[in-house]
Amino acid sequence: MAVDRLAGLLANLRRSTWFDTAPVGVGDQPRYLNGVVVGDTSLSARALLDRLLEIEREEGRQRPAPGAARTLDLDLILYGHDRLAEPGLVVPHPRFRERLFVLEPLAELAPDWVDPVSGEAVSVLLRWASQRPS
């Protein structure tokens, strides 16, 4: 399982509950299981992302088209208080603030974490996203 592989990259790893969610913005696809892990790493953000993509490939992830159904999707959402914008790497993840399937499990583990872009705590972002019309 991918979470077990992440334990080799992240010290003090904690995993959220799995959330069964409908696909968002990708058309007719099966439901997803979404969750979040948090932990500490000595890897740079780029090196961590490279390892996440490597795990996806080794677990059989294919990328036939943008938005295609996938069996595994590992994203780097936050990296401490860093803000990064490099080719292929934007941290914080640019759409995490509006995605309940990210905010709900993240708030379970780290409700007080502050988004370095908005300056708001994850719990506040979750409340705002929950109030938006679907």
N, C-alpha and C. Protein backbone atom coordinates (compact mmCIF):
# COMPACT_ATOMS: atom_id res chain seq x y z
N MET A 1 0.85 -1.18 0.00
CA MET A 1 0.00 0.00 0.00
C MET A 1 0.90 1.25 0.00
N ALA A 2 0.45 2.26 -0.68
CA ALA A 2 1.24 3.49 -0.83
C ALA A 2 1.55 4.14 0.51
N VAL A 3 0.62 4.08 1.46
CA VAL A 3 0.87 4.70 2.77
C VAL A 3 2.07 4.06 3.44
N ASP A 4 2.21 2.76 3.30
CA ASP A 4 3.37 2.08 3.88
C ASP A 4 4.66 2.59 3.24
N ARG A 5 4.63 2.85 1.95
CA ARG A 5 5.81 3.37 1.26
C ARG A 5 6.13 4.79 1.74
N LEU A 6 5.10 5.56 2.05
CA LEU A 6 5.32 6.93 2.53
C LEU A 6 6.00 6.94 3.89
N ALA A 7 5.80 5.89 4.67
CA ALA A 7 6.43 5.81 5.99
C ALA A 7 7.95 5.80 5.85
N GLY A 8 8.47 5.37 4.73
CA GLY A 8 9.90 5.40 4.49
C GLY A 8 10.42 6.78 4.13
N LEU A 9 9.50 7.70 3.80
CA LEU A 9 9.88 9.07 3.42
C LEU A 9 9.60 10.09 4.51
N LEU A 10 8.63 9.78 5.36
CA LEU A 10 8.15 10.76 6.33
C LEU A 10 8.27 10.21 7.75
N ALA A 11 8.98 10.94 8.58
CA ALA A 11 9.04 10.61 10.01
C ALA A 11 7.76 11.14 10.66
N ASN A 12 7.39 10.55 11.77
CA ASN A 12 6.19 10.98 12.52
C ASN A 12 4.94 10.97 11.64
N LEU A 13 4.86 10.01 10.74
CA LEU A 13 3.74 9.93 9.81
C LEU A 13 2.43 9.69 10.55
N ARG A 14 1.43 10.48 10.16
CA ARG A 14 0.07 10.27 10.65
C ARG A 14 -0.84 10.23 9.43
N ARG A 15 -1.85 9.35 9.48
CA ARG A 15 -2.78 9.17 8.36
C ARG A 15 -4.19 9.49 8.83
N SER A 16 -4.92 10.19 8.00
CA SER A 16 -6.31 10.51 8.30
C SER A 16 -7.20 9.30 8.06
N THR A 17 -8.45 9.47 8.42
CA THR A 17 -9.49 8.54 8.04
C THR A 17 -9.62 8.57 6.51
N TRP A 18 -10.06 7.47 5.92
CA TRP A 18 -10.36 7.47 4.49
C TRP A 18 -11.75 8.06 4.30
N PHE A 19 -11.88 8.94 3.32
CA PHE A 19 -13.15 9.58 3.00
C PHE A 19 -13.61 9.09 1.63
N ASP A 20 -14.81 8.52 1.57
CA ASP A 20 -15.41 8.06 0.32
C ASP A 20 -16.07 9.26 -0.33
N THR A 21 -15.58 9.66 -1.51
CA THR A 21 -16.07 10.89 -2.12
C THR A 21 -16.40 10.69 -3.60
N ALA A 22 -17.31 11.51 -4.07
CA ALA A 22 -17.64 11.52 -5.49
C ALA A 22 -16.51 12.22 -6.24
N PRO A 23 -16.25 11.84 -7.47
CA PRO A 23 -15.23 12.54 -8.26
C PRO A 23 -15.65 14.00 -8.49
N VAL A 24 -14.67 14.88 -8.51
CA VAL A 24 -14.93 16.31 -8.67
C VAL A 24 -14.31 16.80 -9.97
N GLY A 25 -15.13 17.34 -10.85
CA GLY A 25 -14.65 17.98 -12.06
C GLY A 25 -14.01 17.07 -13.08
N VAL A 26 -14.34 15.78 -13.06
CA VAL A 26 -13.70 14.85 -13.99
C VAL A 26 -14.69 13.98 -14.75
N GLY A 27 -15.97 14.31 -14.71
CA GLY A 27 -16.96 13.54 -15.46
C GLY A 27 -17.38 12.28 -14.74
N ASP A 28 -17.87 11.33 -15.50
CA ASP A 28 -18.42 10.10 -14.97
C ASP A 28 -17.31 9.12 -14.63
N GLN A 29 -17.02 9.01 -13.34
CA GLN A 29 -15.97 8.10 -12.86
C GLN A 29 -16.45 7.44 -11.57
N PRO A 30 -15.80 6.35 -11.18
CA PRO A 30 -16.14 5.73 -9.90
C PRO A 30 -15.80 6.66 -8.74
N ARG A 31 -16.35 6.36 -7.58
CA ARG A 31 -16.06 7.13 -6.37
C ARG A 31 -14.59 6.93 -5.99
N TYR A 32 -14.09 7.85 -5.20
CA TYR A 32 -12.70 7.81 -4.75
C TYR A 32 -12.63 7.62 -3.24
N LEU A 33 -11.53 7.06 -2.79
CA LEU A 33 -11.17 7.09 -1.38
C LEU A 33 -10.07 8.13 -1.25
N ASN A 34 -10.29 9.14 -0.44
CA ASN A 34 -9.31 10.21 -0.25
C ASN A 34 -8.87 10.25 1.20
N GLY A 35 -7.63 10.58 1.38
CA GLY A 35 -7.08 10.74 2.71
C GLY A 35 -5.84 11.61 2.63
N VAL A 36 -5.31 11.91 3.79
CA VAL A 36 -4.13 12.77 3.89
C VAL A 36 -3.15 12.12 4.85
N VAL A 37 -1.87 12.26 4.54
CA VAL A 37 -0.83 11.91 5.50
C VAL A 37 -0.02 13.17 5.77
N VAL A 38 0.47 13.26 6.98
CA VAL A 38 1.36 14.35 7.34
C VAL A 38 2.57 13.74 8.02
N GLY A 39 3.69 14.42 7.90
CA GLY A 39 4.90 13.93 8.53
C GLY A 39 6.04 14.90 8.28
N ASP A 40 7.18 14.54 8.77
CA ASP A 40 8.39 15.35 8.65
C ASP A 40 9.34 14.67 7.67
N THR A 41 10.06 15.49 6.92
CA THR A 41 11.03 14.93 5.98
C THR A 41 12.23 15.84 5.85
N SER A 42 13.37 15.25 5.54
CA SER A 42 14.57 16.03 5.25
C SER A 42 14.70 16.26 3.75
N LEU A 43 13.81 15.64 2.96
CA LEU A 43 13.83 15.82 1.52
C LEU A 43 13.37 17.23 1.14
N SER A 44 13.91 17.76 0.08
CA SER A 44 13.39 19.01 -0.48
C SER A 44 12.00 18.74 -1.04
N ALA A 45 11.25 19.79 -1.28
CA ALA A 45 9.91 19.62 -1.86
C ALA A 45 10.01 18.91 -3.21
N ARG A 46 10.96 19.29 -4.04
CA ARG A 46 11.13 18.66 -5.36
C ARG A 46 11.47 17.19 -5.22
N ALA A 47 12.38 16.86 -4.31
CA ALA A 47 12.75 15.46 -4.11
C ALA A 47 11.58 14.66 -3.58
N LEU A 48 10.80 15.24 -2.68
CA LEU A 48 9.63 14.56 -2.16
C LEU A 48 8.61 14.32 -3.26
N LEU A 49 8.33 15.32 -4.07
CA LEU A 49 7.40 15.14 -5.19
C LEU A 49 7.90 14.06 -6.14
N ASP A 50 9.19 14.06 -6.44
CA ASP A 50 9.75 13.03 -7.31
C ASP A 50 9.52 11.64 -6.74
N ARG A 51 9.68 11.50 -5.45
CA ARG A 51 9.45 10.19 -4.80
C ARG A 51 7.97 9.81 -4.84
N LEU A 52 7.08 10.80 -4.66
CA LEU A 52 5.64 10.52 -4.74
C LEU A 52 5.27 10.01 -6.14
N LEU A 53 5.80 10.67 -7.15
CA LEU A 53 5.53 10.24 -8.52
C LEU A 53 6.11 8.87 -8.82
N GLU A 54 7.27 8.60 -8.24
CA GLU A 54 7.89 7.28 -8.39
C GLU A 54 7.01 6.19 -7.77
N ILE A 55 6.48 6.46 -6.59
CA ILE A 55 5.58 5.50 -5.93
C ILE A 55 4.35 5.27 -6.80
N GLU A 56 3.78 6.34 -7.34
CA GLU A 56 2.62 6.18 -8.23
C GLU A 56 2.95 5.25 -9.39
N ARG A 57 4.07 5.50 -10.06
CA ARG A 57 4.47 4.66 -11.20
C ARG A 57 4.66 3.21 -10.78
N GLU A 58 5.36 3.00 -9.68
CA GLU A 58 5.64 1.64 -9.23
C GLU A 58 4.37 0.91 -8.81
N GLU A 59 3.35 1.65 -8.41
CA GLU A 59 2.07 1.05 -8.02
C GLU A 59 1.12 0.92 -9.21
N GLY A 60 1.60 1.25 -10.43
CA GLY A 60 0.82 1.05 -11.63
C GLY A 60 0.03 2.26 -12.11
N ARG A 61 0.26 3.42 -11.55
CA ARG A 61 -0.44 4.63 -11.99
C ARG A 61 -0.08 4.94 -13.43
N GLN A 62 -1.09 5.18 -14.24
CA GLN A 62 -0.89 5.63 -15.60
C GLN A 62 -1.58 6.97 -15.77
N ARG A 63 -1.09 7.79 -16.67
CA ARG A 63 -1.65 9.11 -16.93
C ARG A 63 -2.03 9.21 -18.41
N PRO A 64 -3.13 8.53 -18.82
CA PRO A 64 -3.50 8.54 -20.23
C PRO A 64 -4.01 9.90 -20.71
N ALA A 65 -4.65 10.67 -19.81
CA ALA A 65 -5.18 11.99 -20.19
C ALA A 65 -5.45 12.77 -18.91
N PRO A 66 -5.41 14.10 -18.98
CA PRO A 66 -5.76 14.89 -17.79
C PRO A 66 -7.16 14.54 -17.31
N GLY A 67 -7.30 14.35 -16.00
CA GLY A 67 -8.60 14.04 -15.42
C GLY A 67 -9.04 12.61 -15.56
N ALA A 68 -8.19 11.76 -16.13
CA ALA A 68 -8.56 10.35 -16.30
C ALA A 68 -8.67 9.68 -14.92
N ALA A 69 -9.52 8.65 -14.86
CA ALA A 69 -9.65 7.88 -13.62
C ALA A 69 -8.28 7.33 -13.23
N ARG A 70 -8.04 7.24 -11.94
CA ARG A 70 -6.74 6.77 -11.48
C ARG A 70 -6.91 5.92 -10.23
N THR A 71 -5.99 4.99 -10.08
CA THR A 71 -6.03 4.12 -8.91
C THR A 71 -5.22 4.69 -7.76
N LEU A 72 -4.35 5.64 -8.06
CA LEU A 72 -3.52 6.25 -7.02
C LEU A 72 -3.13 7.65 -7.47
N ASP A 73 -3.25 8.60 -6.57
CA ASP A 73 -2.90 9.99 -6.87
C ASP A 73 -2.29 10.59 -5.61
N LEU A 74 -0.99 10.78 -5.62
CA LEU A 74 -0.28 11.35 -4.48
C LEU A 74 0.10 12.78 -4.81
N ASP A 75 -0.43 13.72 -4.05
CA ASP A 75 -0.15 15.14 -4.27
C ASP A 75 0.59 15.72 -3.09
N LEU A 76 1.45 16.66 -3.36
CA LEU A 76 2.12 17.43 -2.32
C LEU A 76 1.30 18.70 -2.12
N ILE A 77 0.58 18.77 -1.01
CA ILE A 77 -0.37 19.87 -0.78
C ILE A 77 0.32 21.04 -0.10
N LEU A 78 1.00 20.78 0.99
CA LEU A 78 1.72 21.81 1.76
C LEU A 78 3.11 21.29 2.07
N TYR A 79 4.03 22.21 2.20
CA TYR A 79 5.41 21.86 2.57
C TYR A 79 5.85 22.92 3.59
N GLY A 80 5.47 22.67 4.85
CA GLY A 80 5.74 23.67 5.89
C GLY A 80 5.06 24.98 5.54
N HIS A 81 5.79 26.06 5.69
CA HIS A 81 5.27 27.39 5.36
C HIS A 81 5.75 27.86 4.00
N ASP A 82 6.39 26.95 3.27
CA ASP A 82 6.98 27.34 1.98
C ASP A 82 5.93 27.62 0.92
N ARG A 83 6.29 28.54 0.04
CA ARG A 83 5.53 28.84 -1.17
C ARG A 83 6.49 28.63 -2.32
N LEU A 84 6.15 27.70 -3.21
CA LEU A 84 7.03 27.35 -4.32
C LEU A 84 6.24 27.38 -5.62
N ALA A 85 6.88 27.89 -6.65
CA ALA A 85 6.29 27.86 -8.00
C ALA A 85 7.42 27.58 -8.97
N GLU A 86 7.52 26.31 -9.34
CA GLU A 86 8.55 25.84 -10.26
C GLU A 86 7.85 25.03 -11.34
N PRO A 87 8.49 24.78 -12.44
CA PRO A 87 7.88 23.90 -13.45
C PRO A 87 7.51 22.55 -12.83
N GLY A 88 6.23 22.21 -12.89
CA GLY A 88 5.77 20.93 -12.37
C GLY A 88 5.58 20.87 -10.87
N LEU A 89 5.78 21.96 -10.15
CA LEU A 89 5.65 21.95 -8.69
C LEU A 89 5.16 23.31 -8.20
N VAL A 90 3.94 23.31 -7.67
CA VAL A 90 3.38 24.51 -7.05
C VAL A 90 2.91 24.10 -5.66
N VAL A 91 3.46 24.76 -4.65
CA VAL A 91 3.13 24.50 -3.25
C VAL A 91 2.88 25.84 -2.57
N PRO A 92 1.78 25.97 -1.85
CA PRO A 92 0.71 25.01 -1.65
C PRO A 92 0.02 24.64 -2.96
N HIS A 93 -0.58 23.47 -2.94
CA HIS A 93 -1.34 23.02 -4.12
C HIS A 93 -2.37 24.09 -4.43
N PRO A 94 -2.44 24.55 -5.67
CA PRO A 94 -3.26 25.72 -6.00
C PRO A 94 -4.76 25.56 -5.79
N ARG A 95 -5.28 24.34 -5.76
CA ARG A 95 -6.73 24.17 -5.62
C ARG A 95 -7.14 23.52 -4.30
N PHE A 96 -6.22 23.33 -3.38
CA PHE A 96 -6.59 22.60 -2.17
C PHE A 96 -7.61 23.36 -1.32
N ARG A 97 -7.63 24.68 -1.39
CA ARG A 97 -8.52 25.48 -0.54
C ARG A 97 -9.99 25.28 -0.87
N GLU A 98 -10.29 24.80 -2.06
CA GLU A 98 -11.70 24.62 -2.45
C GLU A 98 -12.10 23.15 -2.51
N ARG A 99 -11.21 22.26 -2.16
CA ARG A 99 -11.49 20.83 -2.29
C ARG A 99 -11.77 20.20 -0.93
N LEU A 100 -13.05 19.91 -0.72
CA LEU A 100 -13.44 19.28 0.55
C LEU A 100 -12.73 17.95 0.74
N PHE A 101 -12.49 17.22 -0.35
CA PHE A 101 -11.85 15.91 -0.23
C PHE A 101 -10.41 16.01 0.23
N VAL A 102 -9.83 17.20 0.21
CA VAL A 102 -8.50 17.44 0.78
C VAL A 102 -8.65 18.06 2.17
N LEU A 103 -9.50 19.07 2.27
CA LEU A 103 -9.63 19.82 3.53
C LEU A 103 -10.20 18.98 4.67
N GLU A 104 -11.17 18.11 4.39
CA GLU A 104 -11.75 17.31 5.48
C GLU A 104 -10.72 16.41 6.14
N PRO A 105 -9.98 15.59 5.37
CA PRO A 105 -8.98 14.76 6.05
C PRO A 105 -7.82 15.58 6.62
N LEU A 106 -7.45 16.68 5.96
CA LEU A 106 -6.36 17.51 6.49
C LEU A 106 -6.77 18.15 7.81
N ALA A 107 -8.01 18.62 7.90
CA ALA A 107 -8.49 19.23 9.14
C ALA A 107 -8.56 18.20 10.27
N GLU A 108 -8.76 16.95 9.93
CA GLU A 108 -8.76 15.90 10.95
C GLU A 108 -7.40 15.80 11.63
N LEU A 109 -6.33 15.95 10.86
CA LEU A 109 -4.97 15.80 11.39
C LEU A 109 -4.34 17.12 11.82
N ALA A 110 -4.64 18.19 11.11
CA ALA A 110 -3.90 19.45 11.32
C ALA A 110 -4.82 20.67 11.16
N PRO A 111 -5.85 20.79 11.98
CA PRO A 111 -6.80 21.89 11.79
C PRO A 111 -6.19 23.27 11.98
N ASP A 112 -5.10 23.36 12.71
CA ASP A 112 -4.49 24.66 12.98
C ASP A 112 -3.37 25.03 12.03
N TRP A 113 -3.03 24.13 11.11
CA TRP A 113 -2.01 24.48 10.12
C TRP A 113 -2.47 25.69 9.34
N VAL A 114 -1.56 26.57 9.04
CA VAL A 114 -1.89 27.81 8.34
C VAL A 114 -1.42 27.73 6.89
N ASP A 115 -2.34 28.05 6.00
CA ASP A 115 -2.03 28.14 4.57
C ASP A 115 -1.16 29.37 4.37
N PRO A 116 0.06 29.20 3.85
CA PRO A 116 0.95 30.35 3.70
C PRO A 116 0.51 31.37 2.66
N VAL A 117 -0.47 31.04 1.84
CA VAL A 117 -0.97 32.00 0.84
C VAL A 117 -2.09 32.86 1.43
N SER A 118 -3.10 32.21 1.98
CA SER A 118 -4.25 32.96 2.51
C SER A 118 -4.04 33.42 3.94
N GLY A 119 -3.14 32.77 4.66
CA GLY A 119 -2.94 33.09 6.08
C GLY A 119 -4.00 32.50 6.98
N GLU A 120 -4.86 31.64 6.44
CA GLU A 120 -5.96 31.06 7.21
C GLU A 120 -5.63 29.63 7.63
N ALA A 121 -6.18 29.25 8.78
CA ALA A 121 -6.02 27.89 9.28
C ALA A 121 -6.84 26.93 8.43
N VAL A 122 -6.40 25.70 8.36
CA VAL A 122 -7.10 24.66 7.59
C VAL A 122 -8.56 24.56 8.05
N SER A 123 -8.82 24.65 9.35
CA SER A 123 -10.19 24.56 9.85
C SER A 123 -11.07 25.68 9.29
N VAL A 124 -10.51 26.87 9.12
CA VAL A 124 -11.26 27.99 8.55
C VAL A 124 -11.50 27.74 7.07
N LEU A 125 -10.49 27.28 6.36
CA LEU A 125 -10.65 26.98 4.94
C LEU A 125 -11.73 25.91 4.73
N LEU A 126 -11.75 24.92 5.61
CA LEU A 126 -12.77 23.87 5.52
C LEU A 126 -14.16 24.46 5.73
N ARG A 127 -14.30 25.30 6.72
CA ARG A 127 -15.61 25.93 6.98
C ARG A 127 -16.07 26.73 5.77
N TRP A 128 -15.17 27.51 5.19
CA TRP A 128 -15.52 28.31 4.01
C TRP A 128 -15.91 27.42 2.84
N ALA A 129 -15.11 26.38 2.59
CA ALA A 129 -15.39 25.49 1.45
C ALA A 129 -16.72 24.74 1.66
N SER A 130 -17.03 24.41 2.91
CA SER A 130 -18.27 23.69 3.21
C SER A 130 -19.50 24.56 2.98
N GLN A 131 -19.32 25.87 3.05
CA GLN A 131 -20.44 26.80 2.90
C GLN A 131 -20.69 27.18 1.44
N ARG A 132 -19.75 26.88 0.56
CA ARG A 132 -19.92 27.20 -0.86
C ARG A 132 -21.01 26.32 -1.46
N PRO A 133 -21.80 26.88 -2.37
CA PRO A 133 -22.77 26.03 -3.06
C PRO A 133 -22.05 24.98 -3.89
N SER A 134 -22.62 23.78 -3.93
CA SER A 134 -21.94 22.71 -4.69
C SER A 134 -22.38 22.66 -6.12
